[in-house]
Amino acid sequence: MLEDDAEILIYKEFPFSNERLLDLKSRLEAADICVPGYIPPPCGMYNPEGFLYEHMVENVKTFILPDRNLVSNIVHVAQGASVTSSPNYPISCALLAFCQALEIEFEPAI
């Protein structure tokens, strides 16, 4: 653990721009589709910096356990369905992209 007044610099290259990552964060916050199985950090459950800190400094692995509907949405898009063909497809794909960018384990096997 770092001291309260400690500063840390984390550098990570994302598969897309920081602006796009923050757009995903905003979409996920608005939809609020995740239910945490832990106490989220004070910076917020969808804050990329919180995940980066926990992953790179605290060595914490985060897992997403999506329900079948969310996984089905992603599979339909992967099979060629248009992201706009269902109102649930965009947020499902946004969650997957967010997880991939931040190295959050996405476990669709439940």
Protein backbone atom coordinates (compact mmCIF):
# COMPACT_ATOMS: atom_id res chain seq x y z
CA MET A 1 0.00 0.00 0.00
CA LEU A 2 1.13 3.51 -0.74
CA GLU A 3 1.07 6.33 1.75
CA ASP A 4 -1.86 8.75 1.45
CA ASP A 5 0.32 11.52 0.04
CA ALA A 6 2.31 9.28 -2.33
CA GLU A 7 2.24 9.88 -6.06
CA ILE A 8 2.58 7.25 -8.72
CA LEU A 9 2.89 7.39 -12.48
CA ILE A 10 1.46 4.49 -14.47
CA TYR A 11 2.04 4.23 -18.19
CA LYS A 12 -0.04 1.86 -20.26
CA GLU A 13 -0.70 1.73 -23.98
CA PHE A 14 -4.34 1.07 -24.74
CA PRO A 15 -5.67 -0.62 -27.88
CA PHE A 16 -7.54 2.62 -28.57
CA SER A 17 -7.38 6.26 -27.50
CA ASN A 18 -7.79 7.48 -23.94
CA GLU A 19 -10.77 9.53 -25.10
CA ARG A 20 -12.46 6.35 -26.35
CA LEU A 21 -11.76 4.61 -23.04
CA LEU A 22 -13.31 7.53 -21.15
CA ASP A 23 -16.31 7.38 -23.51
CA LEU A 24 -16.74 3.69 -22.61
CA LYS A 25 -16.49 4.63 -18.93
CA SER A 26 -19.26 7.22 -19.35
CA ARG A 27 -21.51 4.77 -21.19
CA LEU A 28 -21.00 2.10 -18.53
CA GLU A 29 -21.67 4.58 -15.72
CA ALA A 30 -24.89 5.70 -17.40
CA ALA A 31 -26.09 2.12 -17.98
CA ASP A 32 -24.82 0.92 -14.58
CA ILE A 33 -25.03 -2.74 -15.60
CA CYS A 34 -22.40 -4.11 -13.21
CA VAL A 35 -22.98 -5.29 -9.67
CA PRO A 36 -19.70 -5.37 -7.74
CA GLY A 37 -18.75 -8.34 -5.66
CA TYR A 38 -16.32 -6.11 -3.77
CA ILE A 39 -16.15 -2.62 -2.37
CA PRO A 40 -15.39 -0.36 -5.36
CA PRO A 41 -12.55 2.15 -5.01
CA PRO A 42 -13.46 5.71 -4.01
CA CYS A 43 -12.72 6.88 -7.57
CA GLY A 44 -15.68 4.82 -8.85
CA MET A 45 -16.44 1.37 -10.15
CA TYR A 46 -15.92 2.31 -13.82
CA ASN A 47 -12.83 4.50 -13.38
CA PRO A 48 -9.95 3.23 -15.56
CA GLU A 49 -7.34 4.68 -13.21
CA GLY A 50 -8.75 2.66 -10.32
CA PHE A 51 -8.45 -0.58 -12.28
CA LEU A 52 -4.95 0.29 -13.48
CA TYR A 53 -3.81 1.09 -9.95
CA GLU A 54 -5.27 -2.12 -8.52
CA HIS A 55 -3.84 -4.22 -11.35
CA MET A 56 -0.38 -2.68 -11.70
CA VAL A 57 0.38 -1.52 -8.14
CA GLU A 58 -1.71 -3.68 -5.81
CA ASN A 59 -1.44 -6.76 -8.08
CA VAL A 60 -5.21 -7.34 -7.93
CA LYS A 61 -6.95 -9.26 -10.71
CA THR A 62 -10.49 -8.22 -11.53
CA PHE A 63 -13.01 -10.60 -13.07
CA ILE A 64 -16.31 -9.86 -14.78
CA LEU A 65 -18.87 -12.66 -14.56
CA PRO A 66 -21.46 -11.64 -17.18
CA ASP A 67 -24.92 -13.14 -17.36
CA ARG A 68 -26.05 -15.18 -20.36
CA ASN A 69 -27.96 -12.31 -21.95
CA LEU A 70 -24.90 -10.08 -22.05
CA VAL A 71 -22.74 -12.89 -23.46
CA SER A 72 -25.42 -13.71 -26.05
CA ASN A 73 -25.46 -10.06 -27.14
CA ILE A 74 -21.70 -10.09 -27.68
CA VAL A 75 -21.85 -13.42 -29.53
CA HIS A 76 -24.56 -12.12 -31.88
CA VAL A 77 -22.41 -9.11 -32.76
CA ALA A 78 -19.34 -11.33 -33.22
CA GLN A 79 -21.39 -13.49 -35.61
CA GLY A 80 -22.17 -10.48 -37.75
CA ALA A 81 -25.23 -8.80 -36.24
CA SER A 82 -25.18 -5.02 -36.40
CA VAL A 83 -24.37 -3.37 -33.09
CA THR A 84 -27.39 -1.13 -33.66
CA SER A 85 -29.82 -4.01 -34.30
CA SER A 86 -30.64 -4.28 -30.58
CA PRO A 87 -30.64 -1.61 -27.87
CA ASN A 88 -28.64 -3.96 -25.62
CA TYR A 89 -25.81 -4.72 -28.06
CA PRO A 90 -23.86 -1.44 -27.74
CA ILE A 91 -23.52 -1.53 -23.95
CA SER A 92 -22.64 -5.23 -23.98
CA CYS A 93 -19.86 -4.58 -26.49
CA ALA A 94 -18.75 -1.49 -24.55
CA LEU A 95 -18.26 -3.61 -21.43
CA LEU A 96 -16.20 -6.17 -23.36
CA ALA A 97 -14.02 -3.45 -24.91
CA PHE A 98 -13.55 -1.78 -21.50
CA CYS A 99 -12.49 -5.09 -19.97
CA GLN A 100 -10.08 -5.88 -22.80
CA ALA A 101 -8.44 -2.45 -22.61
CA LEU A 102 -7.89 -2.70 -18.86
CA GLU A 103 -6.95 -6.40 -18.78
CA ILE A 104 -10.02 -7.26 -16.73
CA GLU A 105 -10.73 -10.97 -16.99
CA PHE A 106 -14.03 -11.59 -18.78
CA GLU A 107 -15.37 -15.02 -17.76
CA PRO A 108 -18.44 -15.96 -19.80
CA ALA A 109 -18.47 -19.61 -18.66
CA ILE A 110 -21.13 -19.31 -15.94
